[in-house]
Amino acid sequence: MAYKVTQAVDYLDTNPLVSVFEEEWEALEFMNGCLDGAVQYRVAHSPYTISEKQLEEMHEQEGTLVRIEEVNTI
């Protein structure tokens, strides 16, 4: 069984990044790296101080843009 990770830039992204992994842990690790990188970018480029609550909200928002699916390989 393979795992496909789809990462969109925003909700209207018509060409999201798609990556396929043989193991579930690889897909989860990649997804977590994508989420952490996206949130870190937003924090680093924010002109304001980010609270813990805002940081959690950012993780939730970015999490809606990344999806993992099992795909059958034959």
C-alpha atoms as a PDB file:
ATOM      1  CA  MET A   1       0.000   0.000   0.000  1.00  0.00           C
ATOM      2  CA  ALA A   2       1.295   3.453  -0.897  1.00  0.00           C
ATOM      3  CA  TYR A   3       0.339   6.824   0.555  1.00  0.00           C
ATOM      4  CA  LYS A   4      -0.284  10.005  -1.404  1.00  0.00           C
ATOM      5  CA  VAL A   5       0.212  13.391   0.260  1.00  0.00           C
ATOM      6  CA  THR A   6      -1.466  16.341  -1.446  1.00  0.00           C
ATOM      7  CA  GLN A   7      -0.321  19.805  -0.357  1.00  0.00           C
ATOM      8  CA  ALA A   8      -2.189  22.867  -1.607  1.00  0.00           C
ATOM      9  CA  VAL A   9      -0.990  26.449  -1.250  1.00  0.00           C
ATOM     10  CA  ASP A  10      -4.535  27.684  -0.633  1.00  0.00           C
ATOM     11  CA  TYR A  11      -8.122  26.525  -1.109  1.00  0.00           C
ATOM     12  CA  LEU A  12      -8.183  27.546  -4.774  1.00  0.00           C
ATOM     13  CA  ASP A  13      -4.905  25.848  -5.732  1.00  0.00           C
ATOM     14  CA  THR A  14      -5.504  24.044  -9.031  1.00  0.00           C
ATOM     15  CA  ASN A  15      -2.064  22.442  -9.109  1.00  0.00           C
ATOM     16  CA  PRO A  16      -1.215  21.132  -5.623  1.00  0.00           C
ATOM     17  CA  LEU A  17       2.039  19.352  -4.859  1.00  0.00           C
ATOM     18  CA  VAL A  18       1.479  15.576  -4.850  1.00  0.00           C
ATOM     19  CA  SER A  19       4.021  13.209  -3.311  1.00  0.00           C
ATOM     20  CA  VAL A  20       3.762   9.410  -3.022  1.00  0.00           C
ATOM     21  CA  PHE A  21       5.408   7.344  -0.277  1.00  0.00           C
ATOM     22  CA  GLU A  22       5.697   3.600   0.256  1.00  0.00           C
ATOM     23  CA  GLU A  23       5.340   3.768   4.045  1.00  0.00           C
ATOM     24  CA  GLU A  24       2.757   5.579   6.157  1.00  0.00           C
ATOM     25  CA  TRP A  25       5.387   6.969   8.532  1.00  0.00           C
ATOM     26  CA  GLU A  26       7.181   8.607   5.590  1.00  0.00           C
ATOM     27  CA  ALA A  27       3.963  10.300   4.459  1.00  0.00           C
ATOM     28  CA  LEU A  28       3.194  11.474   8.002  1.00  0.00           C
ATOM     29  CA  GLU A  29       6.725  12.792   8.472  1.00  0.00           C
ATOM     30  CA  PHE A  30       6.542  14.662   5.157  1.00  0.00           C
ATOM     31  CA  MET A  31       3.125  16.093   6.041  1.00  0.00           C
ATOM     32  CA  ASN A  32       4.333  17.282   9.445  1.00  0.00           C
ATOM     33  CA  GLY A  33       7.367  18.884   7.811  1.00  0.00           C
ATOM     34  CA  CYS A  34       5.113  20.693   5.342  1.00  0.00           C
ATOM     35  CA  LEU A  35       2.875  21.946   8.140  1.00  0.00           C
ATOM     36  CA  ASP A  36       5.784  23.076  10.299  1.00  0.00           C
ATOM     37  CA  GLY A  37       7.453  24.813   7.370  1.00  0.00           C
ATOM     38  CA  ALA A  38       4.292  26.662   6.339  1.00  0.00           C
ATOM     39  CA  VAL A  39       3.575  27.835   9.877  1.00  0.00           C
ATOM     40  CA  GLN A  40       7.188  28.839  10.446  1.00  0.00           C
ATOM     41  CA  TYR A  41       7.125  30.885   7.245  1.00  0.00           C
ATOM     42  CA  ARG A  42       3.979  32.714   8.357  1.00  0.00           C
ATOM     43  CA  VAL A  43       5.464  33.401  11.806  1.00  0.00           C
ATOM     44  CA  ALA A  44       8.799  34.587  10.397  1.00  0.00           C
ATOM     45  CA  HIS A  45       7.127  36.992   7.976  1.00  0.00           C
ATOM     46  CA  SER A  46       4.537  38.375  10.369  1.00  0.00           C
ATOM     47  CA  PRO A  47       5.130  41.963  11.477  1.00  0.00           C
ATOM     48  CA  TYR A  48       3.251  41.161  14.718  1.00  0.00           C
ATOM     49  CA  THR A  49       3.932  39.018  17.734  1.00  0.00           C
ATOM     50  CA  ILE A  50       2.142  35.662  17.455  1.00  0.00           C
ATOM     51  CA  SER A  51       0.353  34.299  20.525  1.00  0.00           C
ATOM     52  CA  GLU A  52       0.085  30.589  21.343  1.00  0.00           C
ATOM     53  CA  LYS A  53      -3.598  30.635  20.368  1.00  0.00           C
ATOM     54  CA  GLN A  54      -2.788  32.218  16.997  1.00  0.00           C
ATOM     55  CA  LEU A  55      -0.039  29.639  16.472  1.00  0.00           C
ATOM     56  CA  GLU A  56      -2.526  26.803  17.098  1.00  0.00           C
ATOM     57  CA  GLU A  57      -4.983  28.421  14.679  1.00  0.00           C
ATOM     58  CA  MET A  58      -2.262  28.642  12.035  1.00  0.00           C
ATOM     59  CA  HIS A  59      -1.537  24.916  12.454  1.00  0.00           C
ATOM     60  CA  GLU A  60      -5.243  24.149  12.040  1.00  0.00           C
ATOM     61  CA  GLN A  61      -5.512  26.352   8.946  1.00  0.00           C
ATOM     62  CA  GLU A  62      -2.451  24.831   7.306  1.00  0.00           C
ATOM     63  CA  GLY A  63      -3.662  21.349   8.265  1.00  0.00           C
ATOM     64  CA  THR A  64      -6.751  21.793   6.116  1.00  0.00           C
ATOM     65  CA  LEU A  65      -4.513  22.235   3.060  1.00  0.00           C
ATOM     66  CA  VAL A  66      -2.643  18.928   3.418  1.00  0.00           C
ATOM     67  CA  ARG A  67      -4.261  15.544   2.835  1.00  0.00           C
ATOM     68  CA  ILE A  68      -3.048  11.940   3.079  1.00  0.00           C
ATOM     69  CA  GLU A  69      -4.713   9.137   1.119  1.00  0.00           C
ATOM     70  CA  GLU A  70      -3.999   5.444   0.766  1.00  0.00           C
ATOM     71  CA  VAL A  71      -3.534   4.409  -2.845  1.00  0.00           C
ATOM     72  CA  ASN A  72      -3.430   0.924  -4.274  1.00  0.00           C
ATOM     73  CA  THR A  73      -0.385   0.060  -6.297  1.00  0.00           C
ATOM     74  CA  ILE A  74      -0.700  -2.836  -8.677  1.00  0.00           C
END
